[in-house]
Structure formats: structure tokens, C-alpha cells
N, C-alpha and C. Protein backbone atom coordinates (compact mmCIF):
# COMPACT_ATOMS: atom_id res chain seq x y z
N MET A 1 10.87 -5.18 -14.61
CA MET A 1 9.70 -5.15 -13.80
C MET A 1 8.63 -4.11 -14.69
N LYS A 2 7.59 -4.37 -15.02
CA LYS A 2 6.59 -3.67 -15.55
C LYS A 2 6.29 -2.48 -14.72
N ILE A 3 5.73 -1.28 -15.28
CA ILE A 3 5.32 -0.09 -14.66
C ILE A 3 4.21 -0.36 -13.59
N PHE A 4 3.19 -1.30 -14.14
CA PHE A 4 2.08 -1.40 -13.06
C PHE A 4 2.84 -2.30 -11.86
N ASP A 5 3.77 -3.09 -12.01
CA ASP A 5 4.09 -3.73 -10.90
C ASP A 5 4.98 -2.87 -9.90
N LYS A 6 5.71 -1.76 -10.42
CA LYS A 6 6.38 -0.91 -9.67
C LYS A 6 5.46 0.02 -8.89
N ILE A 7 4.34 0.35 -9.62
CA ILE A 7 3.25 1.12 -8.86
C ILE A 7 2.63 0.33 -7.55
N ALA A 8 2.44 -0.77 -7.93
CA ALA A 8 1.90 -1.74 -7.03
C ALA A 8 2.93 -1.68 -5.93
N LEU A 9 3.99 -2.02 -6.12
CA LEU A 9 5.06 -2.34 -5.09
C LEU A 9 5.27 -1.03 -4.28
N ILE A 10 5.27 0.09 -4.88
CA ILE A 10 5.29 1.54 -4.22
C ILE A 10 4.08 1.71 -3.21
N LEU A 11 2.96 1.24 -3.72
CA LEU A 11 1.48 1.49 -2.80
C LEU A 11 1.75 0.49 -1.70
N THR A 12 2.39 -0.68 -1.92
CA THR A 12 2.56 -1.69 -0.89
C THR A 12 3.52 -1.27 0.27
N ILE A 13 4.53 -0.60 -0.28
CA ILE A 13 5.48 0.02 0.78
C ILE A 13 4.84 1.10 1.49
N ILE A 14 4.13 1.83 0.84
CA ILE A 14 3.53 3.09 1.56
C ILE A 14 2.56 2.35 2.75
N GLY A 15 1.74 1.48 2.31
CA GLY A 15 0.79 0.75 3.27
C GLY A 15 1.80 0.21 4.38
N ALA A 16 2.75 -0.46 4.15
CA ALA A 16 3.53 -1.07 5.04
C ALA A 16 3.94 -0.12 6.08
N ILE A 17 4.58 1.01 5.48
CA ILE A 17 5.12 2.25 6.49
C ILE A 17 4.13 2.58 7.41
N ASN A 18 2.74 2.75 6.81
CA ASN A 18 1.60 3.24 7.42
C ASN A 18 1.32 2.25 8.56
N TRP A 19 1.27 1.06 8.26
CA TRP A 19 0.95 -0.02 9.33
C TRP A 19 2.17 0.12 10.49
N GLY A 20 3.28 0.16 10.03
CA GLY A 20 4.35 0.14 10.99
C GLY A 20 4.38 1.45 11.79
N SER A 21 3.78 2.48 11.35
CA SER A 21 3.79 3.72 12.11
C SER A 21 2.32 3.55 13.05
N ILE A 22 1.38 2.78 12.54
CA ILE A 22 0.45 2.56 13.61
C ILE A 22 0.70 1.60 14.62
N GLY A 23 1.51 0.51 14.43
CA GLY A 23 1.90 -0.40 15.34
C GLY A 23 2.99 0.19 16.41
N ILE A 24 3.91 0.86 15.90
CA ILE A 24 4.98 1.23 16.77
C ILE A 24 4.52 2.67 17.47
N PHE A 25 3.90 3.53 17.00
CA PHE A 25 3.41 5.09 17.53
C PHE A 25 2.04 5.18 17.56
N GLY A 26 1.36 4.33 17.24
CA GLY A 26 -0.09 4.56 17.21
C GLY A 26 -0.69 5.83 16.33
N PHE A 27 0.16 6.17 15.40
CA PHE A 27 -0.20 7.07 14.45
C PHE A 27 -0.48 6.80 12.99
N ASP A 28 -1.67 6.96 12.68
CA ASP A 28 -2.06 6.59 11.29
C ASP A 28 -1.87 7.73 10.22
N LEU A 29 -0.89 7.74 9.52
CA LEU A 29 -0.44 8.62 8.69
C LEU A 29 -1.45 9.22 7.53
N VAL A 30 -2.29 8.07 6.97
CA VAL A 30 -3.29 8.05 6.05
C VAL A 30 -4.29 9.10 6.47
N ALA A 31 -4.74 8.61 7.64
CA ALA A 31 -5.81 9.53 8.36
C ALA A 31 -5.51 10.75 8.73
N PHE A 32 -4.39 10.95 8.97
CA PHE A 32 -3.61 12.27 9.55
C PHE A 32 -3.67 13.21 7.98
N LEU A 33 -3.28 12.64 7.03
CA LEU A 33 -3.19 13.49 5.95
C LEU A 33 -4.56 13.68 5.12
N PHE A 34 -5.45 12.66 5.20
CA PHE A 34 -6.70 12.89 4.49
C PHE A 34 -7.96 12.87 5.37
N GLY A 35 -7.56 12.67 6.54
CA GLY A 35 -8.96 12.81 7.43
C GLY A 35 -9.30 11.46 7.82
N SER A 36 -9.63 10.93 9.06
CA SER A 36 -10.18 9.60 9.31
C SER A 36 -11.50 9.47 8.95
N GLY A 37 -11.60 8.33 8.21
CA GLY A 37 -12.92 7.97 7.61
C GLY A 37 -13.37 8.65 6.41
N SER A 38 -12.58 9.54 5.74
CA SER A 38 -12.76 10.33 4.63
C SER A 38 -12.87 9.45 3.37
N ILE A 39 -13.47 10.07 2.35
CA ILE A 39 -13.53 9.21 1.18
C ILE A 39 -12.05 9.24 0.52
N LEU A 40 -11.32 10.11 0.65
CA LEU A 40 -9.84 10.05 0.30
C LEU A 40 -9.08 9.04 0.98
N SER A 41 -9.28 8.75 2.22
CA SER A 41 -8.46 7.75 3.02
C SER A 41 -8.86 6.37 2.59
N ARG A 42 -10.35 6.30 2.25
CA ARG A 42 -10.92 5.11 1.90
C ARG A 42 -10.15 4.71 0.47
N ILE A 43 -9.89 5.48 -0.33
CA ILE A 43 -9.57 5.44 -1.70
C ILE A 43 -8.03 5.04 -1.51
N VAL A 44 -7.31 5.70 -0.65
CA VAL A 44 -5.97 5.18 -0.46
C VAL A 44 -5.81 3.77 0.07
N PHE A 45 -6.63 3.41 1.09
CA PHE A 45 -6.46 2.25 1.72
C PHE A 45 -6.96 1.24 0.64
N THR A 46 -7.89 1.34 -0.32
CA THR A 46 -8.44 0.35 -1.31
C THR A 46 -7.29 0.19 -2.30
N LEU A 47 -6.64 1.32 -2.59
CA LEU A 47 -5.61 1.07 -3.70
C LEU A 47 -4.39 0.50 -3.08
N VAL A 48 -4.08 0.56 -1.82
CA VAL A 48 -3.06 -0.14 -1.16
C VAL A 48 -3.41 -1.47 -0.94
N GLY A 49 -4.78 -1.87 -0.60
CA GLY A 49 -5.01 -3.35 -0.54
C GLY A 49 -4.95 -4.08 -2.10
N LEU A 50 -5.57 -3.40 -3.09
CA LEU A 50 -5.36 -3.89 -4.40
C LEU A 50 -3.91 -4.13 -4.79
N ALA A 51 -3.24 -3.01 -4.29
CA ALA A 51 -1.65 -3.21 -4.65
C ALA A 51 -1.00 -4.45 -3.93
N GLY A 52 -1.33 -4.75 -2.70
CA GLY A 52 -0.97 -5.80 -1.95
C GLY A 52 -1.35 -7.31 -2.73
N LEU A 53 -2.60 -7.30 -3.18
CA LEU A 53 -3.14 -8.49 -3.91
C LEU A 53 -2.35 -8.57 -5.11
N TRP A 54 -2.03 -7.66 -5.85
CA TRP A 54 -1.39 -7.63 -7.14
C TRP A 54 -0.01 -8.26 -6.83
N CYS A 55 0.69 -7.79 -5.77
CA CYS A 55 2.15 -8.20 -5.40
C CYS A 55 2.19 -9.63 -5.15
N ILE A 56 1.19 -10.26 -4.76
CA ILE A 56 1.02 -11.54 -4.45
C ILE A 56 1.59 -12.44 -5.80
N SER A 57 1.14 -12.03 -6.77
CA SER A 57 1.44 -12.64 -8.21
C SER A 57 2.94 -12.31 -8.47
N LEU A 58 3.66 -11.35 -7.79
CA LEU A 58 4.99 -11.34 -8.07
C LEU A 58 5.83 -12.45 -7.45
N LEU A 59 5.36 -13.04 -6.42
CA LEU A 59 6.01 -14.19 -5.92
C LEU A 59 6.00 -15.35 -6.77
N PHE A 60 5.20 -15.56 -7.73
CA PHE A 60 4.82 -16.65 -8.43
C PHE A 60 5.36 -16.55 -9.89
N ARG A 61 6.10 -15.45 -10.24
CA ARG A 61 6.44 -15.15 -11.63
C ARG A 61 7.85 -15.68 -11.78
N ASP A 62 8.25 -16.17 -12.90
CA ASP A 62 9.48 -16.64 -13.50
C ASP A 62 10.33 -15.72 -14.06
N ASP A 63 9.81 -14.49 -14.17
CA ASP A 63 10.64 -13.30 -14.88
C ASP A 63 11.98 -13.03 -13.93
N PRO A 64 12.99 -12.87 -14.51
CA PRO A 64 14.31 -12.53 -13.97
C PRO A 64 14.08 -11.16 -13.29
N VAL A 65 14.76 -10.92 -12.14
CA VAL A 65 14.72 -9.51 -11.46
C VAL A 65 15.56 -8.63 -12.12
């Protein structure tokens, strides 16, 4: 697995954990750490979103795991 793939996967996992904490506890970890609606929160959410889109490509690769 390439380093960019690993970074994207880590960011996607962070996003999934954050969404899980919102769904289960109503607690937004990113907003708590960086401030609700702050530029840092928006950057984190954007990076997680882009990582999620990148991870779609992992589904269609023929590379052995």
C-alpha cells in the first residue's frame, strides 16, 4: 500500500470515528478540538472528505493487499 493510500485511510478512519461519536453521543470531536466552524475544523473536514473520495479508488484496484 502506498503512503498516500495509508494517509487517506487514516483520515477516513478519523472521520468515521468522529461521525460515530456524533451519532452515538452527539459529540463532535473535531469541533471540540478546533472550534465549531473554525477554519481548522473546515480544513480537517475537507481533508477527511477528500480522503474518503480517494479511498473509493482502493475498491477498484487489483493490487494485492
